[in-house]
Amino acid sequence: MSTNYDFAVFCGDYSNSGKLSEFQNSFQGMPTKPLLMAMGNHDEPGNFSQVNGRGKNYFQKVRNLGFYFIHVQQSTPIVDLEVDRGIQFILDNIDIGVKADHVFIVVHHPVFSTGEFGSHQYFSQKIESLIVDHPELNIRATFSGHDHLFSAFQKGRQYFFVNGAGGGGIDQMTDSSYGVRKWPREELHGALPIVADNCYGYDLHLDSWMKFTRTEVNILKDKIVYDVRDLDSDVILQSYEQPI
């Protein structure tokens, strides 16, 4: 892995059962650079505080950047409580977030996704409302995992990325289930039809790839550049530019 970066942000599922030894094995080959992480559903059985020393919901400021890490990890209504707690954590800590020039939200469950799990509308709409109601936070993007693919969405000036580096598949429902939602492809581009509850936000879709990727974020004087790099070929699949 290249060492040409300042720090890394991960979106959860570093382990299979939350054991401290699994976390250690996952990262023993990583370069000695700072690491920030959200909690995933596979990390849940263990004591996540042992790993990050912060708990499930926390804020981290890095120079002029602010990161809210919130704990939302599944697609079922039972997680609405997690959603409420995560959003409330952000609201309770707006005073520290507004001190950052650029704010990012990191969470395991996607806000929008073309993957198997898709979106959870209650969560998606809470994030949308947060961005609209609190422009002073300067939220630039959300980063998530859970679905094992890369997806990018854009609403207004904000980007929503699924950084599931596991190389999984774009959801392929059968014709009898969702009709036009059957996509036997390795990539998708452009707006898509909303044909099921977990397709919320498909009209905002930009790109999806069934590849092992990482998202490289470069913050420049007048813009933020998000480069999506294919880890197998080391080729940049797409770049997204965000004026600031």
C-alpha atoms as a PDB file:
ATOM      1  CA  MET A   1       0.000   0.000   0.000  1.00  0.00           C
ATOM      2  CA  SER A   2       1.278   3.471  -0.878  1.00  0.00           C
ATOM      3  CA  THR A   3       2.488   5.601   2.022  1.00  0.00           C
ATOM      4  CA  ASN A   4       1.798   8.842   0.151  1.00  0.00           C
ATOM      5  CA  TYR A   5      -1.070   9.977   2.357  1.00  0.00           C
ATOM      6  CA  ASP A   6      -1.525  11.864   5.624  1.00  0.00           C
ATOM      7  CA  PHE A   7      -3.969   9.539   7.384  1.00  0.00           C
ATOM      8  CA  ALA A   8      -6.541   6.840   6.591  1.00  0.00           C
ATOM      9  CA  VAL A   9     -10.262   6.632   7.347  1.00  0.00           C
ATOM     10  CA  PHE A  10     -12.054   3.271   7.459  1.00  0.00           C
ATOM     11  CA  CYS A  11     -15.791   2.601   7.410  1.00  0.00           C
ATOM     12  CA  GLY A  12     -16.051  -0.521   9.562  1.00  0.00           C
ATOM     13  CA  ASP A  13     -15.824  -4.331   9.487  1.00  0.00           C
ATOM     14  CA  TYR A  14     -12.130  -4.694  10.267  1.00  0.00           C
ATOM     15  CA  SER A  15     -12.880  -7.947  12.042  1.00  0.00           C
ATOM     16  CA  ASN A  16     -15.268 -10.868  11.724  1.00  0.00           C
ATOM     17  CA  SER A  17     -16.350 -11.175  15.342  1.00  0.00           C
ATOM     18  CA  GLY A  18     -14.973  -8.104  17.096  1.00  0.00           C
ATOM     19  CA  LYS A  19     -11.996  -9.794  18.748  1.00  0.00           C
ATOM     20  CA  LEU A  20      -9.033  -7.569  19.533  1.00  0.00           C
ATOM     21  CA  SER A  21      -6.684 -10.125  17.971  1.00  0.00           C
ATOM     22  CA  GLU A  22      -8.599  -9.854  14.667  1.00  0.00           C
ATOM     23  CA  PHE A  23      -8.151  -6.091  14.617  1.00  0.00           C
ATOM     24  CA  GLN A  24      -4.454  -6.530  15.295  1.00  0.00           C
ATOM     25  CA  ASN A  25      -4.105  -9.051  12.460  1.00  0.00           C
ATOM     26  CA  SER A  26      -5.958  -6.738  10.073  1.00  0.00           C
ATOM     27  CA  PHE A  27      -3.610  -3.842  10.653  1.00  0.00           C
ATOM     28  CA  GLN A  28      -0.231  -5.417  11.333  1.00  0.00           C
ATOM     29  CA  GLY A  29       0.766  -4.925   7.692  1.00  0.00           C
ATOM     30  CA  MET A  30      -0.427  -1.312   7.523  1.00  0.00           C
ATOM     31  CA  PRO A  31       2.031   1.583   7.306  1.00  0.00           C
ATOM     32  CA  THR A  32       2.528   3.541  10.508  1.00  0.00           C
ATOM     33  CA  LYS A  33       0.126   6.346   9.651  1.00  0.00           C
ATOM     34  CA  PRO A  34      -2.779   7.721  11.719  1.00  0.00           C
ATOM     35  CA  LEU A  35      -5.968   5.711  11.389  1.00  0.00           C
ATOM     36  CA  LEU A  36      -9.583   6.713  12.089  1.00  0.00           C
ATOM     37  CA  MET A  37     -12.390   4.175  12.020  1.00  0.00           C
ATOM     38  CA  ALA A  38     -16.136   3.750  12.254  1.00  0.00           C
ATOM     39  CA  MET A  39     -17.687   0.633  13.767  1.00  0.00           C
ATOM     40  CA  GLY A  40     -19.166  -2.089  11.530  1.00  0.00           C
ATOM     41  CA  ASN A  41     -21.673  -4.840  12.262  1.00  0.00           C
ATOM     42  CA  HIS A  42     -18.914  -7.470  12.325  1.00  0.00           C
ATOM     43  CA  ASP A  43     -17.065  -5.385  14.909  1.00  0.00           C
ATOM     44  CA  GLU A  44     -20.151  -5.183  17.138  1.00  0.00           C
ATOM     45  CA  PRO A  45     -19.650  -8.377  19.233  1.00  0.00           C
ATOM     46  CA  GLY A  46     -16.345  -7.105  20.633  1.00  0.00           C
ATOM     47  CA  ASN A  47     -15.353  -4.101  22.701  1.00  0.00           C
ATOM     48  CA  PHE A  48     -14.800  -1.440  20.051  1.00  0.00           C
ATOM     49  CA  SER A  49     -13.560   0.986  22.708  1.00  0.00           C
ATOM     50  CA  GLN A  50     -10.483  -1.205  23.127  1.00  0.00           C
ATOM     51  CA  VAL A  51      -9.575  -0.489  19.537  1.00  0.00           C
ATOM     52  CA  ASN A  52     -10.360   3.181  19.034  1.00  0.00           C
ATOM     53  CA  GLY A  53     -10.475   4.363  22.643  1.00  0.00           C
ATOM     54  CA  ARG A  54     -13.491   6.525  21.800  1.00  0.00           C
ATOM     55  CA  GLY A  55     -16.667   4.460  21.639  1.00  0.00           C
ATOM     56  CA  LYS A  56     -19.273   4.155  18.886  1.00  0.00           C
ATOM     57  CA  ASN A  57     -20.021   7.841  18.222  1.00  0.00           C
ATOM     58  CA  TYR A  58     -17.183  10.348  18.306  1.00  0.00           C
ATOM     59  CA  PHE A  59     -15.713  13.449  16.690  1.00  0.00           C
ATOM     60  CA  GLN A  60     -12.142  13.932  15.532  1.00  0.00           C
ATOM     61  CA  LYS A  61     -10.569  17.155  14.294  1.00  0.00           C
ATOM     62  CA  VAL A  62      -7.496  16.862  12.081  1.00  0.00           C
ATOM     63  CA  ARG A  63      -6.044  20.289  11.300  1.00  0.00           C
ATOM     64  CA  ASN A  64      -8.916  22.128   9.588  1.00  0.00           C
ATOM     65  CA  LEU A  65     -10.947  18.944   8.966  1.00  0.00           C
ATOM     66  CA  GLY A  66     -13.734  17.588  11.156  1.00  0.00           C
ATOM     67  CA  PHE A  67     -14.937  13.976  11.169  1.00  0.00           C
ATOM     68  CA  TYR A  68     -18.152  12.749  12.791  1.00  0.00           C
ATOM     69  CA  PHE A  69     -18.078   8.969  13.246  1.00  0.00           C
ATOM     70  CA  ILE A  70     -21.554   7.626  13.952  1.00  0.00           C
ATOM     71  CA  HIS A  71     -22.772   4.094  14.602  1.00  0.00           C
ATOM     72  CA  VAL A  72     -25.403   2.848  12.104  1.00  0.00           C
ATOM     73  CA  GLN A  73     -24.840  -0.630  10.754  1.00  0.00           C
ATOM     74  CA  GLN A  74     -27.930  -2.462   9.470  1.00  0.00           C
ATOM     75  CA  SER A  75     -30.923  -1.956   7.147  1.00  0.00           C
ATOM     76  CA  THR A  76     -33.787  -2.895   9.456  1.00  0.00           C
ATOM     77  CA  PRO A  77     -36.189  -0.559  11.302  1.00  0.00           C
ATOM     78  CA  ILE A  78     -34.681  -1.617  14.627  1.00  0.00           C
ATOM     79  CA  VAL A  79     -31.664   0.536  13.804  1.00  0.00           C
ATOM     80  CA  ASP A  80     -33.760   3.706  13.831  1.00  0.00           C
ATOM     81  CA  LEU A  81     -32.628   4.059  17.439  1.00  0.00           C
ATOM     82  CA  GLU A  82     -29.009   3.950  16.271  1.00  0.00           C
ATOM     83  CA  VAL A  83     -29.829   6.556  13.635  1.00  0.00           C
ATOM     84  CA  ASP A  84     -31.438   8.853  16.206  1.00  0.00           C
ATOM     85  CA  ARG A  85     -28.489   8.484  18.571  1.00  0.00           C
ATOM     86  CA  GLY A  86     -25.978   9.151  15.821  1.00  0.00           C
ATOM     87  CA  ILE A  87     -27.778  12.239  14.525  1.00  0.00           C
ATOM     88  CA  GLN A  88     -28.282  13.512  18.076  1.00  0.00           C
ATOM     89  CA  PHE A  89     -24.564  13.084  18.734  1.00  0.00           C
ATOM     90  CA  ILE A  90     -23.823  15.353  15.779  1.00  0.00           C
ATOM     91  CA  LEU A  91     -26.400  17.911  16.938  1.00  0.00           C
ATOM     92  CA  ASP A  92     -24.998  17.856  20.475  1.00  0.00           C
ATOM     93  CA  ASN A  93     -21.511  18.485  19.101  1.00  0.00           C
ATOM     94  CA  ILE A  94     -22.166  21.081  16.419  1.00  0.00           C
ATOM     95  CA  ASP A  95     -20.118  23.613  18.384  1.00  0.00           C
ATOM     96  CA  ILE A  96     -16.917  21.685  17.672  1.00  0.00           C
ATOM     97  CA  GLY A  97     -17.847  20.802  14.096  1.00  0.00           C
ATOM     98  CA  VAL A  98     -18.352  24.416  13.033  1.00  0.00           C
ATOM     99  CA  LYS A  99     -14.713  25.105  13.908  1.00  0.00           C
ATOM    100  CA  ALA A 100     -13.626  22.903  10.990  1.00  0.00           C
ATOM    101  CA  ASP A 101     -13.438  24.222   7.431  1.00  0.00           C
ATOM    102  CA  HIS A 102     -14.513  20.882   5.978  1.00  0.00           C
ATOM    103  CA  VAL A 103     -16.690  18.277   7.711  1.00  0.00           C
ATOM    104  CA  PHE A 104     -17.138  14.613   6.769  1.00  0.00           C
ATOM    105  CA  ILE A 105     -19.498  11.984   8.191  1.00  0.00           C
ATOM    106  CA  VAL A 106     -18.169   8.425   8.436  1.00  0.00           C
ATOM    107  CA  VAL A 107     -20.622   5.591   9.103  1.00  0.00           C
ATOM    108  CA  HIS A 108     -20.795   1.887   8.318  1.00  0.00           C
ATOM    109  CA  HIS A 109     -24.277   1.786   6.784  1.00  0.00           C
ATOM    110  CA  PRO A 110     -24.594   3.641   3.455  1.00  0.00           C
ATOM    111  CA  VAL A 111     -26.719   6.738   3.078  1.00  0.00           C
ATOM    112  CA  PHE A 112     -27.377   5.631  -0.521  1.00  0.00           C
ATOM    113  CA  SER A 113     -26.127   2.456  -2.225  1.00  0.00           C
ATOM    114  CA  THR A 114     -26.624   0.231  -5.278  1.00  0.00           C
ATOM    115  CA  GLY A 115     -25.363  -2.762  -3.314  1.00  0.00           C
ATOM    116  CA  GLU A 116     -27.175  -5.681  -1.734  1.00  0.00           C
ATOM    117  CA  PHE A 117     -28.299  -3.790   1.376  1.00  0.00           C
ATOM    118  CA  GLY A 118     -29.099  -0.506  -0.325  1.00  0.00           C
ATOM    119  CA  SER A 119     -30.346   2.495   1.608  1.00  0.00           C
ATOM    120  CA  HIS A 120     -32.484   2.760   4.733  1.00  0.00           C
ATOM    121  CA  GLN A 121     -34.836   5.628   3.964  1.00  0.00           C
ATOM    122  CA  TYR A 122     -35.201   6.812   7.563  1.00  0.00           C
ATOM    123  CA  PHE A 123     -31.430   7.185   7.859  1.00  0.00           C
ATOM    124  CA  SER A 124     -31.052   8.756   4.409  1.00  0.00           C
ATOM    125  CA  GLN A 125     -33.657  11.410   5.117  1.00  0.00           C
ATOM    126  CA  LYS A 126     -32.153  12.222   8.514  1.00  0.00           C
ATOM    127  CA  ILE A 127     -28.781  12.877   6.882  1.00  0.00           C
ATOM    128  CA  GLU A 128     -30.417  14.956   4.152  1.00  0.00           C
ATOM    129  CA  SER A 129     -32.229  17.054   6.770  1.00  0.00           C
ATOM    130  CA  LEU A 130     -29.050  17.506   8.795  1.00  0.00           C
ATOM    131  CA  ILE A 131     -27.237  18.922   5.765  1.00  0.00           C
ATOM    132  CA  VAL A 132     -30.104  21.282   4.874  1.00  0.00           C
ATOM    133  CA  ASP A 133     -30.778  22.455   8.438  1.00  0.00           C
ATOM    134  CA  HIS A 134     -27.141  23.041   9.406  1.00  0.00           C
ATOM    135  CA  PRO A 135     -25.210  24.631   6.541  1.00  0.00           C
ATOM    136  CA  GLU A 136     -22.826  26.078   9.116  1.00  0.00           C
ATOM    137  CA  LEU A 137     -21.314  22.595   9.495  1.00  0.00           C
ATOM    138  CA  ASN A 138     -19.782  22.660   6.003  1.00  0.00           C
ATOM    139  CA  ILE A 139     -20.530  18.958   5.445  1.00  0.00           C
ATOM    140  CA  ARG A 140     -18.699  17.986   2.255  1.00  0.00           C
ATOM    141  CA  ALA A 141     -19.276  14.223   2.006  1.00  0.00           C
ATOM    142  CA  THR A 142     -20.296  11.040   3.768  1.00  0.00           C
ATOM    143  CA  PHE A 143     -18.204   7.867   3.616  1.00  0.00           C
ATOM    144  CA  SER A 144     -19.691   4.442   4.340  1.00  0.00           C
ATOM    145  CA  GLY A 145     -19.096   0.713   3.868  1.00  0.00           C
ATOM    146  CA  HIS A 146     -21.279  -2.377   4.527  1.00  0.00           C
ATOM    147  CA  ASP A 147     -22.117  -3.003   0.852  1.00  0.00           C
ATOM    148  CA  HIS A 148     -19.064  -4.562  -0.796  1.00  0.00           C
ATOM    149  CA  LEU A 149     -18.700  -2.267  -3.786  1.00  0.00           C
ATOM    150  CA  PHE A 150     -18.033   1.364  -4.650  1.00  0.00           C
ATOM    151  CA  SER A 151     -20.946   3.744  -5.233  1.00  0.00           C
ATOM    152  CA  ALA A 152     -21.053   7.515  -5.626  1.00  0.00           C
ATOM    153  CA  PHE A 153     -24.063   9.799  -5.311  1.00  0.00           C
ATOM    154  CA  GLN A 154     -24.432  13.562  -5.315  1.00  0.00           C
ATOM    155  CA  LYS A 155     -27.150  15.825  -3.965  1.00  0.00           C
ATOM    156  CA  GLY A 156     -26.535  19.529  -4.258  1.00  0.00           C
ATOM    157  CA  ARG A 157     -22.899  20.155  -3.380  1.00  0.00           C
ATOM    158  CA  GLN A 158     -22.507  17.081  -1.169  1.00  0.00           C
ATOM    159  CA  TYR A 159     -21.142  13.683  -2.191  1.00  0.00           C
ATOM    160  CA  PHE A 160     -22.147  10.324  -0.701  1.00  0.00           C
ATOM    161  CA  PHE A 161     -19.676   7.483  -1.151  1.00  0.00           C
ATOM    162  CA  VAL A 162     -19.885   3.757  -0.448  1.00  0.00           C
ATOM    163  CA  ASN A 163     -16.315   2.602   0.096  1.00  0.00           C
ATOM    164  CA  GLY A 164     -16.919  -1.117   0.511  1.00  0.00           C
ATOM    165  CA  ALA A 165     -13.526  -2.328  -0.655  1.00  0.00           C
ATOM    166  CA  GLY A 166     -14.518  -5.998  -0.507  1.00  0.00           C
ATOM    167  CA  GLY A 167     -15.265  -6.195  -4.238  1.00  0.00           C
ATOM    168  CA  GLY A 168     -18.814  -7.469  -3.886  1.00  0.00           C
ATOM    169  CA  GLY A 169     -21.696  -7.150  -6.319  1.00  0.00           C
ATOM    170  CA  ILE A 170     -24.209  -4.638  -7.512  1.00  0.00           C
ATOM    171  CA  ASP A 171     -27.607  -5.822  -6.322  1.00  0.00           C
ATOM    172  CA  GLN A 172     -29.214  -8.128  -8.904  1.00  0.00           C
ATOM    173  CA  MET A 173     -32.821  -8.770  -7.955  1.00  0.00           C
ATOM    174  CA  THR A 174     -34.785 -11.165 -10.129  1.00  0.00           C
ATOM    175  CA  ASP A 175     -37.308  -9.934 -12.683  1.00  0.00           C
ATOM    176  CA  SER A 176     -40.130 -11.368 -10.596  1.00  0.00           C
ATOM    177  CA  SER A 177     -39.027  -9.321  -7.592  1.00  0.00           C
ATOM    178  CA  TYR A 178     -38.259  -5.861  -8.880  1.00  0.00           C
ATOM    179  CA  GLY A 179     -38.379  -5.975 -12.668  1.00  0.00           C
ATOM    180  CA  VAL A 180     -35.968  -3.405 -14.106  1.00  0.00           C
ATOM    181  CA  ARG A 181     -33.747  -3.688 -11.059  1.00  0.00           C
ATOM    182  CA  LYS A 182     -31.975  -6.746 -12.479  1.00  0.00           C
ATOM    183  CA  TRP A 183     -28.482  -5.474 -13.367  1.00  0.00           C
ATOM    184  CA  PRO A 184     -26.084  -8.242 -14.477  1.00  0.00           C
ATOM    185  CA  ARG A 185     -23.237  -5.756 -14.772  1.00  0.00           C
ATOM    186  CA  GLU A 186     -19.953  -4.899 -13.127  1.00  0.00           C
ATOM    187  CA  GLU A 187     -20.589  -1.164 -13.271  1.00  0.00           C
ATOM    188  CA  LEU A 188     -23.436   1.339 -13.463  1.00  0.00           C
ATOM    189  CA  HIS A 189     -23.492   5.016 -14.388  1.00  0.00           C
ATOM    190  CA  GLY A 190     -26.031   7.801 -14.141  1.00  0.00           C
ATOM    191  CA  ALA A 191     -29.421   8.153 -12.484  1.00  0.00           C
ATOM    192  CA  LEU A 192     -31.395   4.946 -11.847  1.00  0.00           C
ATOM    193  CA  PRO A 193     -35.093   4.178 -11.305  1.00  0.00           C
ATOM    194  CA  ILE A 194     -36.380   3.980  -7.738  1.00  0.00           C
ATOM    195  CA  VAL A 195     -38.212   0.654  -7.763  1.00  0.00           C
ATOM    196  CA  ALA A 196     -38.006  -0.441  -4.102  1.00  0.00           C
ATOM    197  CA  ASP A 197     -37.691   1.081  -0.633  1.00  0.00           C
ATOM    198  CA  ASN A 198     -33.959   0.404  -0.422  1.00  0.00           C
ATOM    199  CA  CYS A 199     -33.446   2.166  -3.763  1.00  0.00           C
ATOM    200  CA  TYR A 200     -34.021   5.548  -2.143  1.00  0.00           C
ATOM    201  CA  GLY A 201     -31.666   8.090  -3.692  1.00  0.00           C
ATOM    202  CA  TYR A 202     -31.105   6.232  -6.956  1.00  0.00           C
ATOM    203  CA  ASP A 203     -32.043   9.385  -8.857  1.00  0.00           C
ATOM    204  CA  LEU A 204     -28.863  10.902  -7.352  1.00  0.00           C
ATOM    205  CA  HIS A 205     -26.611   8.068  -8.531  1.00  0.00           C
ATOM    206  CA  LEU A 206     -23.356   8.849 -10.350  1.00  0.00           C
ATOM    207  CA  ASP A 207     -21.289   5.649 -10.601  1.00  0.00           C
ATOM    208  CA  SER A 208     -20.948   2.141  -9.153  1.00  0.00           C
ATOM    209  CA  TRP A 209     -18.208  -0.460  -9.634  1.00  0.00           C
ATOM    210  CA  MET A 210     -17.849  -4.064  -8.491  1.00  0.00           C
ATOM    211  CA  LYS A 211     -14.157  -3.567  -7.756  1.00  0.00           C
ATOM    212  CA  PHE A 212     -11.673  -3.360  -4.917  1.00  0.00           C
ATOM    213  CA  THR A 213     -11.178   0.391  -4.548  1.00  0.00           C
ATOM    214  CA  ARG A 214     -10.105   3.153  -2.232  1.00  0.00           C
ATOM    215  CA  THR A 215     -11.178   6.787  -2.316  1.00  0.00           C
ATOM    216  CA  GLU A 216      -8.314   9.264  -2.182  1.00  0.00           C
ATOM    217  CA  VAL A 217      -9.257  12.732  -0.958  1.00  0.00           C
ATOM    218  CA  ASN A 218      -7.131  15.721  -1.904  1.00  0.00           C
ATOM    219  CA  ILE A 219      -8.074  19.064  -0.376  1.00  0.00           C
ATOM    220  CA  LEU A 220      -6.806  21.949  -2.470  1.00  0.00           C
ATOM    221  CA  LYS A 221      -7.165  25.711  -2.133  1.00  0.00           C
ATOM    222  CA  ASP A 222     -10.329  26.037  -4.194  1.00  0.00           C
ATOM    223  CA  LYS A 223     -11.686  22.488  -4.450  1.00  0.00           C
ATOM    224  CA  ILE A 224     -11.749  18.981  -3.007  1.00  0.00           C
ATOM    225  CA  VAL A 225     -10.873  16.147  -5.389  1.00  0.00           C
ATOM    226  CA  TYR A 226     -12.098  12.598  -4.713  1.00  0.00           C
ATOM    227  CA  ASP A 227     -10.174  10.013  -6.777  1.00  0.00           C
ATOM    228  CA  VAL A 228     -11.539   6.456  -6.926  1.00  0.00           C
ATOM    229  CA  ARG A 229      -8.607   4.086  -7.422  1.00  0.00           C
ATOM    230  CA  ASP A 230      -8.884   0.461  -8.567  1.00  0.00           C
ATOM    231  CA  LEU A 231      -6.591  -1.456  -6.209  1.00  0.00           C
ATOM    232  CA  ASP A 232      -5.976  -4.261  -8.715  1.00  0.00           C
ATOM    233  CA  SER A 233      -4.836  -2.101 -11.629  1.00  0.00           C
ATOM    234  CA  ASP A 234      -3.838   1.039  -9.680  1.00  0.00           C
ATOM    235  CA  VAL A 235      -5.886   3.024 -12.213  1.00  0.00           C
ATOM    236  CA  ILE A 236      -8.103   5.938 -11.191  1.00  0.00           C
ATOM    237  CA  LEU A 237     -11.614   4.974 -12.300  1.00  0.00           C
ATOM    238  CA  GLN A 238     -13.183   8.371 -11.740  1.00  0.00           C
ATOM    239  CA  SER A 239     -12.475  11.753 -10.183  1.00  0.00           C
ATOM    240  CA  TYR A 240     -15.072  13.995  -8.579  1.00  0.00           C
ATOM    241  CA  GLU A 241     -14.331  17.692  -8.057  1.00  0.00           C
ATOM    242  CA  GLN A 242     -16.114  19.738  -5.412  1.00  0.00           C
ATOM    243  CA  PRO A 243     -15.659  23.534  -5.452  1.00  0.00           C
ATOM    244  CA  ILE A 244     -15.162  25.085  -2.008  1.00  0.00           C
END
